[in-house]
C-alpha cells in the first residue's frame, strides 16, 4: 500500500485535513463525523458557514450512517452512476454534525470514481466531508499544484496527477415526482432521465448544495465570457480560453482546451486554463469562448457565468 495514502488516512483519523484527488476536482477532506476537523475545512477555505459540504463514501453500506431515507430510487441511481460524479441530497442521519450540512436537514452524498479517493475513504474508516480544495469562490483545483497555490496550509496534499473529468459533480435531490437538479455537472439531465423523470415544477431552491451561489469559480483577474469581438480593443494583455479556434487570431495569448471540439475536453481543461492565465503576469483580462448549452455544455456555461459574475458588477 502506498505510504502517502496510509499517511493521509491516518491524518484523517487523527482529525486533520487532507487534500486528495477525485475524478472531478481535488477535494479538501476531513472525517465527516468530527465537527472540529470539519470546522478547519471552513477555516482554511474561508468558506461561509451557510454553504454545506458534500460527504464522500467508498461503499454503499455507509449510506446508512449518513441518511435515514429508505428509498429504492437512491439505489437505482447509485447502481447506474456510482462510483461517479453524481451527488444526491438526502435527509440526513442524526449522527451527521450540523456543521457539515450548515444546519440543514439534508446532506449531499456521493461515491467518487477515483481509486485513490476510494482507498483513502476506506482506510480512514469513515465518510469524508470534502468540498473542492481551493479558497472559497476561487478557481477549482484539478491538480495538486493548484491546491498548493491556494491551500498550502492543508495538513497533507495527496498528489496523483490531474483530475480526469475536471468539473464538479452534478447535484440532485429527489422529489415525489422524480428529481431536480441543484447544480449542473458532468452527468447530464438526459442521462439521469433514463432512470427517473425530471421534475420541472417551478419553485425556488434554498442554498442546500454547493455551487448554488451566483458567483463562484472565479480567477483573481477580470474574467469575461466572449460574446463578440471588439476590433477596437487592445487584446495584447488578454488571454483567450479557446474551444473552436475561431477567435484565436484576435488574441496574443491563447489556451486551446480541445483539439477535437469535444466538450468533455473543455470540462477537463477549463479550470487549468484559468489557473494558467491567473499566474501569467502578462495577462490582465481572461476571456472564455462560450459553448452551446446542451449536455455538458450546460455545466460549462454555469461555471463560466459564475466566474464572470463579480466582474460584471
C-alpha atoms as a PDB file:
ATOM      1  CA  UNK A   1       0.000   0.000   0.000  1.00  0.00           C
ATOM      2  CA  UNK A   2       1.221   3.493  -0.862  1.00  0.00           C
ATOM      3  CA  UNK A   3       2.989   5.183   2.074  1.00  0.00           C
ATOM      4  CA  UNK A   4       1.447   8.578   1.294  1.00  0.00           C
ATOM      5  CA  UNK A   5      -2.030   7.058   1.146  1.00  0.00           C
ATOM      6  CA  UNK A   6      -1.577   5.445   4.557  1.00  0.00           C
ATOM      7  CA  UNK A   7      -0.250   8.724   5.940  1.00  0.00           C
ATOM      8  CA  UNK A   8      -3.218  10.646   4.566  1.00  0.00           C
ATOM      9  CA  UNK A   9      -5.700   8.144   6.020  1.00  0.00           C
ATOM     10  CA  UNK A  10      -4.028   8.303   9.442  1.00  0.00           C
ATOM     11  CA  UNK A  11      -4.177  12.091   9.392  1.00  0.00           C
ATOM     12  CA  UNK A  12      -7.929  11.973   8.729  1.00  0.00           C
ATOM     13  CA  UNK A  13      -8.319   9.513  11.614  1.00  0.00           C
ATOM     14  CA  UNK A  14      -6.380  11.991  13.763  1.00  0.00           C
ATOM     15  CA  UNK A  15      -8.761  14.834  12.951  1.00  0.00           C
ATOM     16  CA  UNK A  16      -6.576  16.507  10.335  1.00  0.00           C
ATOM     17  CA  UNK A  17      -7.453  17.934   6.925  1.00  0.00           C
ATOM     18  CA  UNK A  18      -6.150  16.287   3.738  1.00  0.00           C
ATOM     19  CA  UNK A  19      -6.353  17.381   0.100  1.00  0.00           C
ATOM     20  CA  UNK A  20      -6.945  14.445  -2.212  1.00  0.00           C
ATOM     21  CA  UNK A  21      -7.895  13.784  -5.836  1.00  0.00           C
ATOM     22  CA  UNK A  22     -11.253  12.755  -7.176  1.00  0.00           C
ATOM     23  CA  UNK A  23     -12.228  12.317 -10.799  1.00  0.00           C
ATOM     24  CA  UNK A  24     -13.900  15.760 -10.757  1.00  0.00           C
ATOM     25  CA  UNK A  25     -11.546  18.108  -8.871  1.00  0.00           C
ATOM     26  CA  UNK A  26      -9.267  17.870  -5.834  1.00  0.00           C
ATOM     27  CA  UNK A  27     -11.130  17.868  -2.526  1.00  0.00           C
ATOM     28  CA  UNK A  28     -10.216  19.075   0.977  1.00  0.00           C
ATOM     29  CA  UNK A  29     -11.311  16.266   3.251  1.00  0.00           C
ATOM     30  CA  UNK A  30     -11.899  15.520   6.915  1.00  0.00           C
ATOM     31  CA  UNK A  31     -13.785  12.927   8.980  1.00  0.00           C
ATOM     32  CA  UNK A  32     -17.441  13.792   8.383  1.00  0.00           C
ATOM     33  CA  UNK A  33     -18.296  12.814  11.970  1.00  0.00           C
ATOM     34  CA  UNK A  34     -15.630  15.068  13.537  1.00  0.00           C
ATOM     35  CA  UNK A  35     -17.093  18.597  13.772  1.00  0.00           C
ATOM     36  CA  UNK A  36     -13.774  20.146  14.847  1.00  0.00           C
ATOM     37  CA  UNK A  37     -11.990  18.711  11.816  1.00  0.00           C
ATOM     38  CA  UNK A  38     -14.813  19.851   9.532  1.00  0.00           C
ATOM     39  CA  UNK A  39     -14.625  23.330  11.075  1.00  0.00           C
ATOM     40  CA  UNK A  40     -10.994  23.507   9.945  1.00  0.00           C
ATOM     41  CA  UNK A  41     -12.125  22.920   6.338  1.00  0.00           C
ATOM     42  CA  UNK A  42     -14.310  26.013   6.593  1.00  0.00           C
ATOM     43  CA  UNK A  43     -11.454  27.934   8.207  1.00  0.00           C
ATOM     44  CA  UNK A  44      -8.842  27.013   5.600  1.00  0.00           C
ATOM     45  CA  UNK A  45     -11.155  27.653   2.665  1.00  0.00           C
ATOM     46  CA  UNK A  46     -12.575  30.854   4.209  1.00  0.00           C
ATOM     47  CA  UNK A  47     -15.906  29.284   3.378  1.00  0.00           C
ATOM     48  CA  UNK A  48     -19.127  30.759   4.817  1.00  0.00           C
ATOM     49  CA  UNK A  49     -20.871  28.520   7.312  1.00  0.00           C
ATOM     50  CA  UNK A  50     -24.131  28.617   5.341  1.00  0.00           C
ATOM     51  CA  UNK A  51     -22.608  26.641   2.432  1.00  0.00           C
ATOM     52  CA  UNK A  52     -22.994  22.870   3.078  1.00  0.00           C
ATOM     53  CA  UNK A  53     -20.404  20.211   2.242  1.00  0.00           C
ATOM     54  CA  UNK A  54     -20.614  17.015   0.209  1.00  0.00           C
ATOM     55  CA  UNK A  55     -19.786  13.795   2.048  1.00  0.00           C
ATOM     56  CA  UNK A  56     -17.848  11.141   0.128  1.00  0.00           C
ATOM     57  CA  UNK A  57     -18.243   7.411   0.698  1.00  0.00           C
ATOM     58  CA  UNK A  58     -16.400   4.342  -0.543  1.00  0.00           C
ATOM     59  CA  UNK A  59     -19.157   1.710  -0.250  1.00  0.00           C
ATOM     60  CA  UNK A  60     -22.958   1.708  -0.142  1.00  0.00           C
ATOM     61  CA  UNK A  61     -23.126   0.489   3.464  1.00  0.00           C
ATOM     62  CA  UNK A  62     -22.006   3.968   4.511  1.00  0.00           C
ATOM     63  CA  UNK A  63     -25.307   5.390   3.279  1.00  0.00           C
ATOM     64  CA  UNK A  64     -26.922   4.044   6.434  1.00  0.00           C
ATOM     65  CA  UNK A  65     -24.524   6.149   8.520  1.00  0.00           C
ATOM     66  CA  UNK A  66     -25.427   9.358   6.678  1.00  0.00           C
ATOM     67  CA  UNK A  67     -29.101   9.204   5.758  1.00  0.00           C
ATOM     68  CA  UNK A  68     -32.257   7.749   7.244  1.00  0.00           C
ATOM     69  CA  UNK A  69     -34.038   7.569   3.920  1.00  0.00           C
ATOM     70  CA  UNK A  70     -35.180   4.189   2.648  1.00  0.00           C
ATOM     71  CA  UNK A  71     -35.887   4.915  -0.991  1.00  0.00           C
ATOM     72  CA  UNK A  72     -35.298   2.367  -3.731  1.00  0.00           C
ATOM     73  CA  UNK A  73     -34.609   5.212  -6.175  1.00  0.00           C
ATOM     74  CA  UNK A  74     -31.382   6.018  -4.343  1.00  0.00           C
ATOM     75  CA  UNK A  75     -30.048   2.543  -5.022  1.00  0.00           C
ATOM     76  CA  UNK A  76     -31.251   2.687  -8.635  1.00  0.00           C
ATOM     77  CA  UNK A  77     -29.262   5.865  -9.165  1.00  0.00           C
ATOM     78  CA  UNK A  78     -26.259   4.517  -7.253  1.00  0.00           C
ATOM     79  CA  UNK A  79     -26.228   1.370  -9.366  1.00  0.00           C
ATOM     80  CA  UNK A  80     -26.139   3.451 -12.538  1.00  0.00           C
ATOM     81  CA  UNK A  81     -23.901   6.400 -11.553  1.00  0.00           C
ATOM     82  CA  UNK A  82     -21.706   5.367  -8.598  1.00  0.00           C
ATOM     83  CA  UNK A  83     -18.818   5.448  -8.379  1.00  0.00           C
ATOM     84  CA  UNK A  84     -19.104   8.661 -10.366  1.00  0.00           C
ATOM     85  CA  UNK A  85     -19.783  12.406 -10.433  1.00  0.00           C
ATOM     86  CA  UNK A  86     -23.353  12.395  -9.094  1.00  0.00           C
ATOM     87  CA  UNK A  87     -24.249  13.828  -5.683  1.00  0.00           C
ATOM     88  CA  UNK A  88     -27.614  13.072  -4.101  1.00  0.00           C
ATOM     89  CA  UNK A  89     -29.026  15.415  -1.446  1.00  0.00           C
ATOM     90  CA  UNK A  90     -30.900  13.223   1.042  1.00  0.00           C
ATOM     91  CA  UNK A  91     -32.462  13.559   4.514  1.00  0.00           C
ATOM     92  CA  UNK A  92     -29.536  13.368   6.920  1.00  0.00           C
ATOM     93  CA  UNK A  93     -28.986  10.914   9.757  1.00  0.00           C
ATOM     94  CA  UNK A  94     -28.994  12.476  13.219  1.00  0.00           C
ATOM     95  CA  UNK A  95     -25.337  11.465  13.633  1.00  0.00           C
ATOM     96  CA  UNK A  96     -24.184  13.853  10.890  1.00  0.00           C
ATOM     97  CA  UNK A  97     -22.904  17.064  12.557  1.00  0.00           C
ATOM     98  CA  UNK A  98     -24.826  20.210  11.709  1.00  0.00           C
ATOM     99  CA  UNK A  99     -21.627  21.944  10.592  1.00  0.00           C
ATOM    100  CA  UNK A 100     -21.393  19.532   7.631  1.00  0.00           C
ATOM    101  CA  UNK A 101     -24.899  20.399   6.422  1.00  0.00           C
ATOM    102  CA  UNK A 102     -24.923  24.066   7.514  1.00  0.00           C
ATOM    103  CA  UNK A 103     -27.752  23.206   9.895  1.00  0.00           C
ATOM    104  CA  UNK A 104     -29.950  21.838   7.119  1.00  0.00           C
ATOM    105  CA  UNK A 105     -31.905  18.580   7.494  1.00  0.00           C
ATOM    106  CA  UNK A 106     -30.302  17.196   4.322  1.00  0.00           C
ATOM    107  CA  UNK A 107     -26.824  16.010   3.345  1.00  0.00           C
ATOM    108  CA  UNK A 108     -25.163  15.693  -0.065  1.00  0.00           C
ATOM    109  CA  UNK A 109     -23.569  12.271  -0.653  1.00  0.00           C
ATOM    110  CA  UNK A 110     -21.515  10.818  -3.474  1.00  0.00           C
ATOM    111  CA  UNK A 111     -19.092   7.980  -4.204  1.00  0.00           C
ATOM    112  CA  UNK A 112     -16.122   9.242  -6.262  1.00  0.00           C
ATOM    113  CA  UNK A 113     -14.841   7.318  -9.279  1.00  0.00           C
ATOM    114  CA  UNK A 114     -11.191   7.630  -8.323  1.00  0.00           C
ATOM    115  CA  UNK A 115      -9.255   4.701  -6.868  1.00  0.00           C
ATOM    116  CA  UNK A 116      -7.069   6.869  -4.639  1.00  0.00           C
ATOM    117  CA  UNK A 117     -10.121   8.629  -3.212  1.00  0.00           C
ATOM    118  CA  UNK A 118     -11.954   5.349  -2.586  1.00  0.00           C
ATOM    119  CA  UNK A 119      -8.880   3.794  -0.953  1.00  0.00           C
ATOM    120  CA  UNK A 120      -8.404   6.875   1.216  1.00  0.00           C
ATOM    121  CA  UNK A 121     -12.002   6.810   2.445  1.00  0.00           C
ATOM    122  CA  UNK A 122     -11.811   3.065   3.140  1.00  0.00           C
ATOM    123  CA  UNK A 123      -8.514   3.325   5.016  1.00  0.00           C
ATOM    124  CA  UNK A 124      -9.773   6.296   7.021  1.00  0.00           C
ATOM    125  CA  UNK A 125     -12.684   4.184   8.271  1.00  0.00           C
ATOM    126  CA  UNK A 126     -15.220   6.998   7.905  1.00  0.00           C
ATOM    127  CA  UNK A 127     -17.146   9.021   5.348  1.00  0.00           C
ATOM    128  CA  UNK A 128     -15.107  12.060   4.301  1.00  0.00           C
ATOM    129  CA  UNK A 129     -16.625  15.527   4.073  1.00  0.00           C
ATOM    130  CA  UNK A 130     -14.865  17.349   1.259  1.00  0.00           C
ATOM    131  CA  UNK A 131     -15.532  20.483  -0.748  1.00  0.00           C
ATOM    132  CA  UNK A 132     -13.125  21.493  -3.509  1.00  0.00           C
ATOM    133  CA  UNK A 133      -9.589  22.205  -2.259  1.00  0.00           C
ATOM    134  CA  UNK A 134      -9.465  25.918  -3.019  1.00  0.00           C
ATOM    135  CA  UNK A 135     -10.244  29.225  -1.349  1.00  0.00           C
ATOM    136  CA  UNK A 136     -13.974  29.868  -1.337  1.00  0.00           C
ATOM    137  CA  UNK A 137     -15.236  31.301  -4.614  1.00  0.00           C
ATOM    138  CA  UNK A 138     -11.915  30.852  -6.405  1.00  0.00           C
ATOM    139  CA  UNK A 139     -10.935  28.595  -9.323  1.00  0.00           C
ATOM    140  CA  UNK A 140     -11.450  24.900  -8.638  1.00  0.00           C
ATOM    141  CA  UNK A 141      -8.258  22.784  -8.429  1.00  0.00           C
ATOM    142  CA  UNK A 142      -7.657  19.979 -10.915  1.00  0.00           C
ATOM    143  CA  UNK A 143      -4.023  19.320  -9.891  1.00  0.00           C
ATOM    144  CA  UNK A 144      -2.070  19.198  -6.637  1.00  0.00           C
ATOM    145  CA  UNK A 145      -0.198  22.315  -7.783  1.00  0.00           C
ATOM    146  CA  UNK A 146      -3.483  24.231  -7.879  1.00  0.00           C
ATOM    147  CA  UNK A 147      -4.126  23.127  -4.295  1.00  0.00           C
ATOM    148  CA  UNK A 148      -0.667  24.214  -3.134  1.00  0.00           C
ATOM    149  CA  UNK A 149      -1.200  27.635  -4.709  1.00  0.00           C
ATOM    150  CA  UNK A 150      -4.314  28.313  -2.635  1.00  0.00           C
ATOM    151  CA  UNK A 151      -4.252  25.941   0.357  1.00  0.00           C
ATOM    152  CA  UNK A 152      -0.651  25.254   1.308  1.00  0.00           C
ATOM    153  CA  UNK A 153      -1.832  25.151   4.946  1.00  0.00           C
ATOM    154  CA  UNK A 154      -3.571  21.799   4.440  1.00  0.00           C
ATOM    155  CA  UNK A 155      -2.086  19.097   6.683  1.00  0.00           C
ATOM    156  CA  UNK A 156      -1.266  16.941   3.648  1.00  0.00           C
ATOM    157  CA  UNK A 157      -1.748  17.015  -0.123  1.00  0.00           C
ATOM    158  CA  UNK A 158      -2.071  13.654  -1.825  1.00  0.00           C
ATOM    159  CA  UNK A 159      -0.704  14.177  -5.338  1.00  0.00           C
ATOM    160  CA  UNK A 160      -1.626  11.617  -8.006  1.00  0.00           C
ATOM    161  CA  UNK A 161      -1.821  13.833 -11.079  1.00  0.00           C
ATOM    162  CA  UNK A 162      -4.597  15.659 -12.880  1.00  0.00           C
ATOM    163  CA  UNK A 163      -8.311  15.083 -12.357  1.00  0.00           C
ATOM    164  CA  UNK A 164      -9.766  13.125 -15.271  1.00  0.00           C
ATOM    165  CA  UNK A 165     -13.117  14.955 -15.514  1.00  0.00           C
ATOM    166  CA  UNK A 166     -12.192  18.405 -14.241  1.00  0.00           C
ATOM    167  CA  UNK A 167     -15.687  19.708 -13.486  1.00  0.00           C
ATOM    168  CA  UNK A 168     -17.686  19.213 -10.306  1.00  0.00           C
ATOM    169  CA  UNK A 169     -20.368  16.608  -9.766  1.00  0.00           C
ATOM    170  CA  UNK A 170     -23.988  17.030 -10.751  1.00  0.00           C
ATOM    171  CA  UNK A 171     -26.102  17.562  -7.629  1.00  0.00           C
ATOM    172  CA  UNK A 172     -29.712  16.408  -7.480  1.00  0.00           C
ATOM    173  CA  UNK A 173     -32.459  15.988  -4.931  1.00  0.00           C
ATOM    174  CA  UNK A 174     -35.351  13.561  -5.140  1.00  0.00           C
ATOM    175  CA  UNK A 175     -38.961  14.740  -5.214  1.00  0.00           C
ATOM    176  CA  UNK A 176     -42.289  12.961  -5.162  1.00  0.00           C
ATOM    177  CA  UNK A 177     -42.319  13.199  -8.940  1.00  0.00           C
ATOM    178  CA  UNK A 178     -38.678  12.433  -9.791  1.00  0.00           C
ATOM    179  CA  UNK A 179     -35.556  14.580  -9.446  1.00  0.00           C
ATOM    180  CA  UNK A 180     -34.489  18.218  -9.566  1.00  0.00           C
ATOM    181  CA  UNK A 181     -31.017  19.461 -10.466  1.00  0.00           C
ATOM    182  CA  UNK A 182     -29.405  21.732  -7.879  1.00  0.00           C
ATOM    183  CA  UNK A 183     -26.059  22.041  -9.677  1.00  0.00           C
ATOM    184  CA  UNK A 184     -25.307  21.027 -13.241  1.00  0.00           C
ATOM    185  CA  UNK A 185     -22.210  18.879 -13.671  1.00  0.00           C
ATOM    186  CA  UNK A 186     -20.619  16.175 -15.757  1.00  0.00           C
ATOM    187  CA  UNK A 187     -23.658  13.873 -15.639  1.00  0.00           C
ATOM    188  CA  UNK A 188     -26.428  15.389 -17.702  1.00  0.00           C
ATOM    189  CA  UNK A 189     -30.158  15.736 -17.109  1.00  0.00           C
ATOM    190  CA  UNK A 190     -30.796  13.405 -20.042  1.00  0.00           C
ATOM    191  CA  UNK A 191     -28.654  10.650 -18.531  1.00  0.00           C
ATOM    192  CA  UNK A 192     -30.494  10.814 -15.213  1.00  0.00           C
ATOM    193  CA  UNK A 193     -33.836  10.822 -17.017  1.00  0.00           C
ATOM    194  CA  UNK A 194     -33.014   7.310 -18.191  1.00  0.00           C
ATOM    195  CA  UNK A 195     -33.599   6.292 -14.550  1.00  0.00           C
ATOM    196  CA  UNK A 196     -36.090   8.837 -13.178  1.00  0.00           C
ATOM    197  CA  UNK A 197     -38.347  11.577 -14.597  1.00  0.00           C
ATOM    198  CA  UNK A 198     -37.204  15.180 -14.327  1.00  0.00           C
ATOM    199  CA  UNK A 199     -39.314  17.347 -12.031  1.00  0.00           C
ATOM    200  CA  UNK A 200     -39.750  20.622 -13.918  1.00  0.00           C
ATOM    201  CA  UNK A 201     -42.094  22.228 -11.420  1.00  0.00           C
ATOM    202  CA  UNK A 202     -41.229  25.857 -10.747  1.00  0.00           C
ATOM    203  CA  UNK A 203     -40.186  26.537  -7.175  1.00  0.00           C
ATOM    204  CA  UNK A 204     -37.352  28.425  -5.539  1.00  0.00           C
ATOM    205  CA  UNK A 205     -34.446  26.413  -4.168  1.00  0.00           C
ATOM    206  CA  UNK A 206     -32.731  27.356  -0.931  1.00  0.00           C
ATOM    207  CA  UNK A 207     -28.954  27.025  -0.661  1.00  0.00           C
ATOM    208  CA  UNK A 208     -28.984  23.275   0.028  1.00  0.00           C
ATOM    209  CA  UNK A 209     -25.930  22.303  -2.033  1.00  0.00           C
ATOM    210  CA  UNK A 210     -22.522  23.684  -3.042  1.00  0.00           C
ATOM    211  CA  UNK A 211     -22.179  25.754  -6.200  1.00  0.00           C
ATOM    212  CA  UNK A 212     -25.612  27.393  -5.978  1.00  0.00           C
ATOM    213  CA  UNK A 213     -24.318  30.932  -5.418  1.00  0.00           C
ATOM    214  CA  UNK A 214     -24.289  33.392  -8.336  1.00  0.00           C
ATOM    215  CA  UNK A 215     -20.541  33.985  -8.002  1.00  0.00           C
ATOM    216  CA  UNK A 216     -18.060  31.113  -7.818  1.00  0.00           C
ATOM    217  CA  UNK A 217     -15.049  29.501  -9.555  1.00  0.00           C
ATOM    218  CA  UNK A 218     -13.551  32.938 -10.202  1.00  0.00           C
ATOM    219  CA  UNK A 219      -9.950  33.954 -11.031  1.00  0.00           C
ATOM    220  CA  UNK A 220      -8.413  36.964  -9.286  1.00  0.00           C
ATOM    221  CA  UNK A 221      -8.201  38.715 -12.672  1.00  0.00           C
ATOM    222  CA  UNK A 222     -11.004  40.171 -14.744  1.00  0.00           C
ATOM    223  CA  UNK A 223     -12.851  37.290 -16.376  1.00  0.00           C
ATOM    224  CA  UNK A 224     -15.382  37.641 -19.188  1.00  0.00           C
ATOM    225  CA  UNK A 225     -17.305  35.317 -21.468  1.00  0.00           C
ATOM    226  CA  UNK A 226     -16.527  36.203 -25.071  1.00  0.00           C
ATOM    227  CA  UNK A 227     -19.768  37.388 -26.655  1.00  0.00           C
ATOM    228  CA  UNK A 228     -18.380  39.287 -29.621  1.00  0.00           C
ATOM    229  CA  UNK A 229     -15.086  40.649 -30.900  1.00  0.00           C
ATOM    230  CA  UNK A 230     -14.497  44.339 -30.387  1.00  0.00           C
ATOM    231  CA  UNK A 231     -11.894  45.148 -33.045  1.00  0.00           C
ATOM    232  CA  UNK A 232     -11.002  48.461 -31.418  1.00  0.00           C
ATOM    233  CA  UNK A 233      -9.973  46.998 -28.049  1.00  0.00           C
ATOM    234  CA  UNK A 234      -6.339  46.113 -27.454  1.00  0.00           C
ATOM    235  CA  UNK A 235      -6.108  42.355 -26.833  1.00  0.00           C
ATOM    236  CA  UNK A 236      -2.346  42.381 -26.239  1.00  0.00           C
ATOM    237  CA  UNK A 237      -2.870  41.894 -22.493  1.00  0.00           C
ATOM    238  CA  UNK A 238      -5.797  39.496 -22.792  1.00  0.00           C
ATOM    239  CA  UNK A 239      -5.808  35.714 -22.775  1.00  0.00           C
ATOM    240  CA  UNK A 240      -8.380  33.544 -24.538  1.00  0.00           C
ATOM    241  CA  UNK A 241      -9.646  30.168 -23.404  1.00  0.00           C
ATOM    242  CA  UNK A 242     -10.405  28.840 -26.875  1.00  0.00           C
ATOM    243  CA  UNK A 243     -12.652  25.964 -27.895  1.00  0.00           C
ATOM    244  CA  UNK A 244     -13.348  26.148 -31.636  1.00  0.00           C
ATOM    245  CA  UNK A 245     -10.291  28.202 -32.606  1.00  0.00           C
ATOM    246  CA  UNK A 246     -12.484  30.761 -34.397  1.00  0.00           C
ATOM    247  CA  UNK A 247     -11.330  33.739 -32.322  1.00  0.00           C
ATOM    248  CA  UNK A 248      -7.677  32.918 -31.703  1.00  0.00           C
ATOM    249  CA  UNK A 249      -6.322  35.404 -34.270  1.00  0.00           C
ATOM    250  CA  UNK A 250      -7.583  38.308 -32.152  1.00  0.00           C
ATOM    251  CA  UNK A 251      -5.534  37.337 -29.068  1.00  0.00           C
ATOM    252  CA  UNK A 252      -1.821  37.235 -28.324  1.00  0.00           C
ATOM    253  CA  UNK A 253      -2.229  34.570 -25.627  1.00  0.00           C
ATOM    254  CA  UNK A 254      -4.394  31.524 -26.285  1.00  0.00           C
ATOM    255  CA  UNK A 255      -5.022  28.247 -24.483  1.00  0.00           C
ATOM    256  CA  UNK A 256      -6.987  25.807 -26.635  1.00  0.00           C
ATOM    257  CA  UNK A 257      -8.908  23.410 -24.411  1.00  0.00           C
ATOM    258  CA  UNK A 258      -9.719  20.877 -27.148  1.00  0.00           C
ATOM    259  CA  UNK A 259      -8.117  19.834 -30.397  1.00  0.00           C
ATOM    260  CA  UNK A 260     -11.244  17.943 -31.478  1.00  0.00           C
ATOM    261  CA  UNK A 261     -14.072  20.280 -30.440  1.00  0.00           C
ATOM    262  CA  UNK A 262     -15.065  17.893 -27.637  1.00  0.00           C
ATOM    263  CA  UNK A 263     -16.974  19.456 -24.735  1.00  0.00           C
ATOM    264  CA  UNK A 264     -15.523  16.870 -22.362  1.00  0.00           C
ATOM    265  CA  UNK A 265     -12.073  18.295 -23.152  1.00  0.00           C
ATOM    266  CA  UNK A 266     -13.381  21.770 -22.293  1.00  0.00           C
ATOM    267  CA  UNK A 267     -14.603  20.475 -18.935  1.00  0.00           C
ATOM    268  CA  UNK A 268     -11.306  18.732 -18.178  1.00  0.00           C
ATOM    269  CA  UNK A 269      -9.095  21.703 -19.112  1.00  0.00           C
ATOM    270  CA  UNK A 270     -11.206  24.765 -18.273  1.00  0.00           C
ATOM    271  CA  UNK A 271     -10.075  25.341 -14.687  1.00  0.00           C
ATOM    272  CA  UNK A 272      -6.443  24.572 -15.527  1.00  0.00           C
ATOM    273  CA  UNK A 273      -6.573  27.215 -18.267  1.00  0.00           C
ATOM    274  CA  UNK A 274      -7.963  29.729 -15.754  1.00  0.00           C
ATOM    275  CA  UNK A 275      -5.117  28.919 -13.372  1.00  0.00           C
ATOM    276  CA  UNK A 276      -2.506  29.328 -16.117  1.00  0.00           C
ATOM    277  CA  UNK A 277      -3.786  32.758 -17.121  1.00  0.00           C
ATOM    278  CA  UNK A 278      -4.184  33.797 -13.492  1.00  0.00           C
ATOM    279  CA  UNK A 279      -0.473  33.026 -12.983  1.00  0.00           C
ATOM    280  CA  UNK A 280       0.625  34.721 -16.226  1.00  0.00           C
ATOM    281  CA  UNK A 281       1.726  38.253 -15.334  1.00  0.00           C
ATOM    282  CA  UNK A 282       1.412  39.396 -18.955  1.00  0.00           C
ATOM    283  CA  UNK A 283      -2.341  38.671 -18.935  1.00  0.00           C
ATOM    284  CA  UNK A 284      -4.665  41.236 -17.370  1.00  0.00           C
ATOM    285  CA  UNK A 285      -8.036  40.036 -18.690  1.00  0.00           C
ATOM    286  CA  UNK A 286      -9.202  36.462 -19.309  1.00  0.00           C
ATOM    287  CA  UNK A 287     -11.796  35.705 -21.963  1.00  0.00           C
ATOM    288  CA  UNK A 288     -13.509  32.328 -22.372  1.00  0.00           C
ATOM    289  CA  UNK A 289     -15.258  31.129 -25.501  1.00  0.00           C
ATOM    290  CA  UNK A 290     -18.880  30.137 -24.795  1.00  0.00           C
ATOM    291  CA  UNK A 291     -20.418  26.862 -25.935  1.00  0.00           C
ATOM    292  CA  UNK A 292     -23.908  25.673 -26.778  1.00  0.00           C
ATOM    293  CA  UNK A 293     -25.946  24.933 -23.653  1.00  0.00           C
ATOM    294  CA  UNK A 294     -26.603  21.324 -24.424  1.00  0.00           C
ATOM    295  CA  UNK A 295     -25.471  18.258 -22.465  1.00  0.00           C
ATOM    296  CA  UNK A 296     -22.294  19.002 -20.529  1.00  0.00           C
ATOM    297  CA  UNK A 297     -22.255  22.438 -22.181  1.00  0.00           C
ATOM    298  CA  UNK A 298     -24.881  23.465 -19.598  1.00  0.00           C
ATOM    299  CA  UNK A 299     -22.429  22.770 -16.752  1.00  0.00           C
ATOM    300  CA  UNK A 300     -19.556  24.504 -18.574  1.00  0.00           C
ATOM    301  CA  UNK A 301     -21.598  27.673 -19.110  1.00  0.00           C
ATOM    302  CA  UNK A 302     -22.772  27.541 -15.486  1.00  0.00           C
ATOM    303  CA  UNK A 303     -19.132  27.654 -14.337  1.00  0.00           C
ATOM    304  CA  UNK A 304     -18.195  30.401 -16.806  1.00  0.00           C
ATOM    305  CA  UNK A 305     -21.123  32.616 -15.776  1.00  0.00           C
ATOM    306  CA  UNK A 306     -20.330  32.221 -12.089  1.00  0.00           C
ATOM    307  CA  UNK A 307     -16.648  33.000 -12.748  1.00  0.00           C
ATOM    308  CA  UNK A 308     -17.726  36.135 -14.628  1.00  0.00           C
ATOM    309  CA  UNK A 309     -20.435  37.299 -12.221  1.00  0.00           C
ATOM    310  CA  UNK A 310     -18.450  39.603  -9.921  1.00  0.00           C
ATOM    311  CA  UNK A 311     -16.543  41.121 -12.847  1.00  0.00           C
ATOM    312  CA  UNK A 312     -19.810  42.347 -14.390  1.00  0.00           C
ATOM    313  CA  UNK A 313     -20.966  44.204 -11.292  1.00  0.00           C
END
